[in-house]
Amino acid sequence: MAAIDPGRLLQMRSTIIGQNAALQRAAGHDVAGAAETPSTSFGQTLTDAVRNVNAQQTKASDLSAAYERGDTNDIVQVMLERQKASIGFEATLQVRNKLLSAYRDIMNMPV
């Protein structure tokens, strides 16, 4: 078995870190500011997503009501907003189903 050279290992580590930083910059992420950015919790992310879907549903409902009252004639905008709301709701429903399925799987795991 060959001995591990600590100098070569540190060199490989610094090369990997450099390549990772270059990839992060290429992807448009600020490597220096990444450590300073406060992370949000999973629950907060889900809450924000549900609020966004709710806001989209409200906007679509308001536009539909305005069209029915005759306040606007832009049926294309009304239909686009309704489709956005529908897609957002369906995506939220699918995420909920996946989360429930994962929860059931975890609860059914033997200890």
N, C-alpha and C. Protein backbone atom coordinates (compact mmCIF):
# COMPACT_ATOMS: atom_id res chain seq x y z
N MET A 1 0.85 -1.17 0.00
CA MET A 1 0.00 0.00 0.00
C MET A 1 0.90 1.23 0.00
N ALA A 2 0.60 2.18 -0.87
CA ALA A 2 1.41 3.39 -1.02
C ALA A 2 1.03 4.41 0.06
N ALA A 3 2.01 5.16 0.51
CA ALA A 3 1.77 6.18 1.52
C ALA A 3 1.09 7.39 0.88
N ILE A 4 0.26 8.05 1.65
CA ILE A 4 -0.44 9.23 1.16
C ILE A 4 0.44 10.44 1.39
N ASP A 5 0.68 11.19 0.32
CA ASP A 5 1.50 12.39 0.40
C ASP A 5 0.60 13.57 0.78
N PRO A 6 0.78 14.15 1.98
CA PRO A 6 -0.09 15.24 2.41
C PRO A 6 0.00 16.46 1.50
N GLY A 7 1.17 16.75 0.95
CA GLY A 7 1.32 17.90 0.06
C GLY A 7 0.50 17.74 -1.20
N ARG A 8 0.52 16.54 -1.76
CA ARG A 8 -0.26 16.27 -2.98
C ARG A 8 -1.76 16.31 -2.66
N LEU A 9 -2.15 15.81 -1.51
CA LEU A 9 -3.54 15.82 -1.11
C LEU A 9 -4.06 17.26 -0.95
N LEU A 10 -3.28 18.13 -0.33
CA LEU A 10 -3.67 19.53 -0.17
C LEU A 10 -3.74 20.24 -1.52
N GLN A 11 -2.82 19.87 -2.42
CA GLN A 11 -2.82 20.46 -3.76
C GLN A 11 -4.10 20.06 -4.52
N MET A 12 -4.48 18.79 -4.43
CA MET A 12 -5.70 18.32 -5.07
C MET A 12 -6.92 19.02 -4.48
N ARG A 13 -6.90 19.20 -3.16
CA ARG A 13 -8.02 19.88 -2.50
C ARG A 13 -8.16 21.31 -2.99
N SER A 14 -7.06 22.04 -3.07
CA SER A 14 -7.13 23.43 -3.52
C SER A 14 -7.54 23.52 -4.99
N THR A 15 -7.14 22.55 -5.79
CA THR A 15 -7.56 22.52 -7.20
C THR A 15 -9.07 22.31 -7.30
N ILE A 16 -9.60 21.40 -6.50
CA ILE A 16 -11.04 21.13 -6.51
C ILE A 16 -11.81 22.35 -6.04
N ILE A 17 -11.33 23.02 -5.00
CA ILE A 17 -12.01 24.22 -4.50
C ILE A 17 -11.99 25.32 -5.55
N GLY A 18 -10.87 25.47 -6.25
CA GLY A 18 -10.77 26.46 -7.32
C GLY A 18 -11.73 26.17 -8.46
N GLN A 19 -11.83 24.90 -8.84
CA GLN A 19 -12.75 24.53 -9.92
C GLN A 19 -14.20 24.75 -9.49
N ASN A 20 -14.50 24.45 -8.25
CA ASN A 20 -15.85 24.66 -7.74
C ASN A 20 -16.20 26.15 -7.76
N ALA A 21 -15.28 26.99 -7.35
CA ALA A 21 -15.52 28.44 -7.37
C ALA A 21 -15.72 28.93 -8.79
N ALA A 22 -14.94 28.41 -9.75
CA ALA A 22 -15.09 28.81 -11.15
C ALA A 22 -16.46 28.39 -11.68
N LEU A 23 -16.91 27.21 -11.31
CA LEU A 23 -18.23 26.74 -11.75
C LEU A 23 -19.34 27.59 -11.14
N GLN A 24 -19.18 27.97 -9.88
CA GLN A 24 -20.17 28.83 -9.23
C GLN A 24 -20.25 30.19 -9.91
N ARG A 25 -19.09 30.76 -10.26
CA ARG A 25 -19.08 32.04 -10.96
C ARG A 25 -19.71 31.90 -12.34
N ALA A 26 -19.43 30.81 -13.03
CA ALA A 26 -20.00 30.59 -14.37
C ALA A 26 -21.51 30.44 -14.31
N ALA A 27 -22.00 29.87 -13.21
CA ALA A 27 -23.44 29.68 -13.05
C ALA A 27 -24.13 30.97 -12.60
N GLY A 28 -23.36 32.01 -12.32
CA GLY A 28 -23.94 33.28 -11.93
C GLY A 28 -24.12 33.44 -10.44
N HIS A 29 -23.51 32.57 -9.65
CA HIS A 29 -23.60 32.69 -8.20
C HIS A 29 -22.39 33.46 -7.70
N ASP A 30 -22.63 34.34 -6.74
CA ASP A 30 -21.56 35.10 -6.13
C ASP A 30 -20.93 34.25 -5.04
N VAL A 31 -19.71 33.78 -5.29
CA VAL A 31 -19.04 32.87 -4.36
C VAL A 31 -18.71 33.59 -3.05
N ALA A 32 -18.26 34.83 -3.11
CA ALA A 32 -17.89 35.55 -1.89
C ALA A 32 -19.11 35.87 -1.04
N GLY A 33 -20.22 36.21 -1.67
CA GLY A 33 -21.41 36.58 -0.93
C GLY A 33 -22.25 35.40 -0.49
N ALA A 34 -21.88 34.21 -0.91
CA ALA A 34 -22.70 33.04 -0.59
C ALA A 34 -22.70 32.76 0.91
N ALA A 35 -21.59 32.99 1.58
CA ALA A 35 -21.53 32.71 3.01
C ALA A 35 -22.28 33.77 3.82
N GLU A 36 -22.43 34.97 3.26
CA GLU A 36 -23.08 36.05 3.99
C GLU A 36 -24.59 36.04 3.81
N THR A 37 -25.10 35.35 2.79
CA THR A 37 -26.53 35.33 2.52
C THR A 37 -27.24 34.49 3.58
N PRO A 38 -28.24 35.05 4.24
CA PRO A 38 -28.95 34.26 5.25
C PRO A 38 -29.78 33.17 4.56
N SER A 39 -29.73 31.98 5.10
CA SER A 39 -30.49 30.89 4.52
C SER A 39 -31.90 30.88 5.12
N THR A 40 -32.84 30.46 4.31
CA THR A 40 -34.21 30.38 4.78
C THR A 40 -34.52 28.93 5.11
N SER A 41 -35.44 28.74 6.02
CA SER A 41 -35.79 27.39 6.42
C SER A 41 -36.71 26.76 5.39
N PHE A 42 -36.83 25.46 5.47
CA PHE A 42 -37.69 24.72 4.56
C PHE A 42 -39.14 25.15 4.74
N GLY A 43 -39.55 25.31 5.98
CA GLY A 43 -40.92 25.74 6.27
C GLY A 43 -41.21 27.12 5.71
N GLN A 44 -40.25 28.03 5.83
CA GLN A 44 -40.43 29.38 5.31
C GLN A 44 -40.53 29.37 3.79
N THR A 45 -39.73 28.51 3.15
CA THR A 45 -39.77 28.39 1.70
C THR A 45 -41.14 27.89 1.24
N LEU A 46 -41.67 26.89 1.95
CA LEU A 46 -43.00 26.38 1.60
C LEU A 46 -44.08 27.43 1.83
N THR A 47 -43.97 28.15 2.94
CA THR A 47 -44.94 29.21 3.23
C THR A 47 -44.92 30.28 2.15
N ASP A 48 -43.74 30.68 1.72
CA ASP A 48 -43.62 31.67 0.65
C ASP A 48 -44.23 31.16 -0.65
N ALA A 49 -43.99 29.88 -0.96
CA ALA A 49 -44.53 29.30 -2.19
C ALA A 49 -46.05 29.29 -2.16
N VAL A 50 -46.63 28.92 -1.03
CA VAL A 50 -48.09 28.89 -0.92
C VAL A 50 -48.67 30.30 -1.01
N ARG A 51 -47.99 31.26 -0.42
CA ARG A 51 -48.45 32.66 -0.52
C ARG A 51 -48.40 33.15 -1.96
N ASN A 52 -47.35 32.78 -2.69
CA ASN A 52 -47.25 33.17 -4.10
C ASN A 52 -48.37 32.56 -4.93
N VAL A 53 -48.68 31.28 -4.67
CA VAL A 53 -49.78 30.63 -5.39
C VAL A 53 -51.10 31.30 -5.03
N ASN A 54 -51.29 31.64 -3.78
CA ASN A 54 -52.51 32.32 -3.36
C ASN A 54 -52.64 33.69 -4.03
N ALA A 55 -51.53 34.42 -4.11
CA ALA A 55 -51.55 35.73 -4.77
C ALA A 55 -51.89 35.58 -6.25
N GLN A 56 -51.35 34.55 -6.89
CA GLN A 56 -51.65 34.32 -8.30
C GLN A 56 -53.13 33.96 -8.49
N GLN A 57 -53.68 33.16 -7.58
CA GLN A 57 -55.10 32.80 -7.64
C GLN A 57 -55.97 34.05 -7.47
N THR A 58 -55.60 34.90 -6.55
CA THR A 58 -56.36 36.13 -6.30
C THR A 58 -56.32 37.05 -7.53
N LYS A 59 -55.14 37.17 -8.11
CA LYS A 59 -54.97 38.02 -9.30
C LYS A 59 -55.83 37.49 -10.45
N ALA A 60 -55.82 36.17 -10.66
CA ALA A 60 -56.61 35.58 -11.73
C ALA A 60 -58.10 35.78 -11.47
N SER A 61 -58.51 35.64 -10.22
CA SER A 61 -59.92 35.82 -9.86
C SER A 61 -60.35 37.27 -10.08
N ASP A 62 -59.49 38.20 -9.70
CA ASP A 62 -59.79 39.63 -9.89
C ASP A 62 -59.90 39.98 -11.37
N LEU A 63 -58.99 39.45 -12.19
CA LEU A 63 -59.05 39.72 -13.61
C LEU A 63 -60.29 39.11 -14.26
N SER A 64 -60.65 37.92 -13.81
CA SER A 64 -61.86 37.27 -14.34
C SER A 64 -63.10 38.09 -13.99
N ALA A 65 -63.16 38.55 -12.76
CA ALA A 65 -64.30 39.37 -12.33
C ALA A 65 -64.34 40.68 -13.11
N ALA A 66 -63.18 41.28 -13.34
CA ALA A 66 -63.13 42.53 -14.10
C ALA A 66 -63.59 42.31 -15.54
N TYR A 67 -63.23 41.19 -16.13
CA TYR A 67 -63.67 40.87 -17.48
C TYR A 67 -65.18 40.66 -17.52
N GLU A 68 -65.70 39.96 -16.53
CA GLU A 68 -67.15 39.71 -16.48
C GLU A 68 -67.95 40.99 -16.27
N ARG A 69 -67.38 41.94 -15.55
CA ARG A 69 -68.04 43.23 -15.35
C ARG A 69 -67.92 44.14 -16.56
N GLY A 70 -66.98 43.81 -17.46
CA GLY A 70 -66.77 44.64 -18.63
C GLY A 70 -65.70 45.70 -18.43
N ASP A 71 -64.97 45.63 -17.33
CA ASP A 71 -63.92 46.62 -17.05
C ASP A 71 -62.72 46.45 -17.97
N THR A 72 -62.50 45.25 -18.48
CA THR A 72 -61.37 44.99 -19.38
C THR A 72 -61.86 44.15 -20.54
N ASN A 73 -61.20 44.31 -21.67
CA ASN A 73 -61.54 43.53 -22.86
C ASN A 73 -60.43 42.57 -23.24
N ASP A 74 -59.39 42.49 -22.45
CA ASP A 74 -58.22 41.67 -22.78
C ASP A 74 -58.42 40.24 -22.30
N ILE A 75 -59.11 39.44 -23.10
CA ILE A 75 -59.39 38.06 -22.73
C ILE A 75 -58.12 37.23 -22.70
N VAL A 76 -57.14 37.60 -23.51
CA VAL A 76 -55.87 36.86 -23.54
C VAL A 76 -55.18 36.96 -22.18
N GLN A 77 -55.12 38.15 -21.63
CA GLN A 77 -54.48 38.35 -20.33
C GLN A 77 -55.24 37.59 -19.24
N VAL A 78 -56.56 37.60 -19.32
CA VAL A 78 -57.37 36.89 -18.33
C VAL A 78 -57.08 35.39 -18.39
N MET A 79 -57.05 34.84 -19.60
CA MET A 79 -56.80 33.41 -19.75
C MET A 79 -55.38 33.03 -19.34
N LEU A 80 -54.41 33.88 -19.65
CA LEU A 80 -53.03 33.61 -19.23
C LEU A 80 -52.92 33.57 -17.71
N GLU A 81 -53.52 34.53 -17.04
CA GLU A 81 -53.45 34.56 -15.58
C GLU A 81 -54.17 33.37 -14.96
N ARG A 82 -55.29 32.97 -15.57
CA ARG A 82 -56.01 31.80 -15.06
C ARG A 82 -55.18 30.53 -15.24
N GLN A 83 -54.48 30.42 -16.37
CA GLN A 83 -53.63 29.25 -16.61
C GLN A 83 -52.44 29.25 -15.65
N LYS A 84 -51.85 30.42 -15.41
CA LYS A 84 -50.74 30.50 -14.45
C LYS A 84 -51.21 30.05 -13.07
N ALA A 85 -52.38 30.51 -12.67
CA ALA A 85 -52.92 30.14 -11.36
C ALA A 85 -53.19 28.64 -11.30
N SER A 86 -53.71 28.10 -12.38
CA SER A 86 -54.01 26.67 -12.42
C SER A 86 -52.74 25.83 -12.34
N ILE A 87 -51.73 26.22 -13.08
CA ILE A 87 -50.46 25.49 -13.06
C ILE A 87 -49.80 25.59 -11.69
N GLY A 88 -49.83 26.77 -11.09
CA GLY A 88 -49.26 26.94 -9.76
C GLY A 88 -49.97 26.08 -8.73
N PHE A 89 -51.29 26.02 -8.82
CA PHE A 89 -52.06 25.20 -7.88
C PHE A 89 -51.75 23.73 -8.08
N GLU A 90 -51.69 23.27 -9.32
CA GLU A 90 -51.39 21.87 -9.60
C GLU A 90 -49.99 21.50 -9.11
N ALA A 91 -49.02 22.39 -9.31
CA ALA A 91 -47.66 22.13 -8.84
C ALA A 91 -47.63 22.05 -7.32
N THR A 92 -48.35 22.94 -6.66
CA THR A 92 -48.41 22.91 -5.20
C THR A 92 -49.05 21.62 -4.71
N LEU A 93 -50.08 21.19 -5.39
CA LEU A 93 -50.75 19.95 -5.04
C LEU A 93 -49.81 18.75 -5.19
N GLN A 94 -49.02 18.73 -6.25
CA GLN A 94 -48.08 17.64 -6.48
C GLN A 94 -46.98 17.63 -5.41
N VAL A 95 -46.49 18.82 -5.04
CA VAL A 95 -45.47 18.90 -3.99
C VAL A 95 -46.05 18.39 -2.67
N ARG A 96 -47.28 18.78 -2.37
CA ARG A 96 -47.93 18.30 -1.16
C ARG A 96 -48.05 16.78 -1.15
N ASN A 97 -48.46 16.22 -2.28
CA ASN A 97 -48.59 14.77 -2.37
C ASN A 97 -47.25 14.07 -2.18
N LYS A 98 -46.19 14.62 -2.76
CA LYS A 98 -44.86 14.02 -2.60
C LYS A 98 -44.38 14.12 -1.16
N LEU A 99 -44.65 15.25 -0.51
CA LEU A 99 -44.26 15.41 0.89
C LEU A 99 -45.00 14.43 1.79
N LEU A 100 -46.29 14.26 1.55
CA LEU A 100 -47.07 13.30 2.34
C LEU A 100 -46.58 11.88 2.11
N SER A 101 -46.26 11.56 0.88
CA SER A 101 -45.74 10.22 0.57
C SER A 101 -44.40 9.99 1.26
N ALA A 102 -43.53 10.99 1.24
CA ALA A 102 -42.23 10.86 1.92
C ALA A 102 -42.42 10.71 3.42
N TYR A 103 -43.36 11.47 4.00
CA TYR A 103 -43.64 11.39 5.42
C TYR A 103 -44.13 9.99 5.78
N ARG A 104 -45.04 9.45 4.98
CA ARG A 104 -45.54 8.09 5.25
C ARG A 104 -44.42 7.05 5.15
N ASP A 105 -43.56 7.22 4.15
CA ASP A 105 -42.43 6.29 4.00
C ASP A 105 -41.51 6.33 5.22
N ILE A 106 -41.24 7.54 5.71
CA ILE A 106 -40.37 7.68 6.87
C ILE A 106 -41.02 7.10 8.11
N MET A 107 -42.32 7.35 8.27
CA MET A 107 -43.02 6.82 9.44
C MET A 107 -43.13 5.30 9.42
N ASN A 108 -43.13 4.69 8.26
CA ASN A 108 -43.24 3.24 8.14
C ASN A 108 -41.90 2.52 8.17
N MET A 109 -40.80 3.28 8.28
CA MET A 109 -39.48 2.67 8.35
C MET A 109 -39.31 1.94 9.67
N PRO A 110 -38.73 0.75 9.61
CA PRO A 110 -38.46 0.07 10.88
C PRO A 110 -37.32 0.77 11.63
N VAL A 111 -37.43 0.76 12.94
CA VAL A 111 -36.41 1.44 13.75
C VAL A 111 -35.29 0.52 14.11
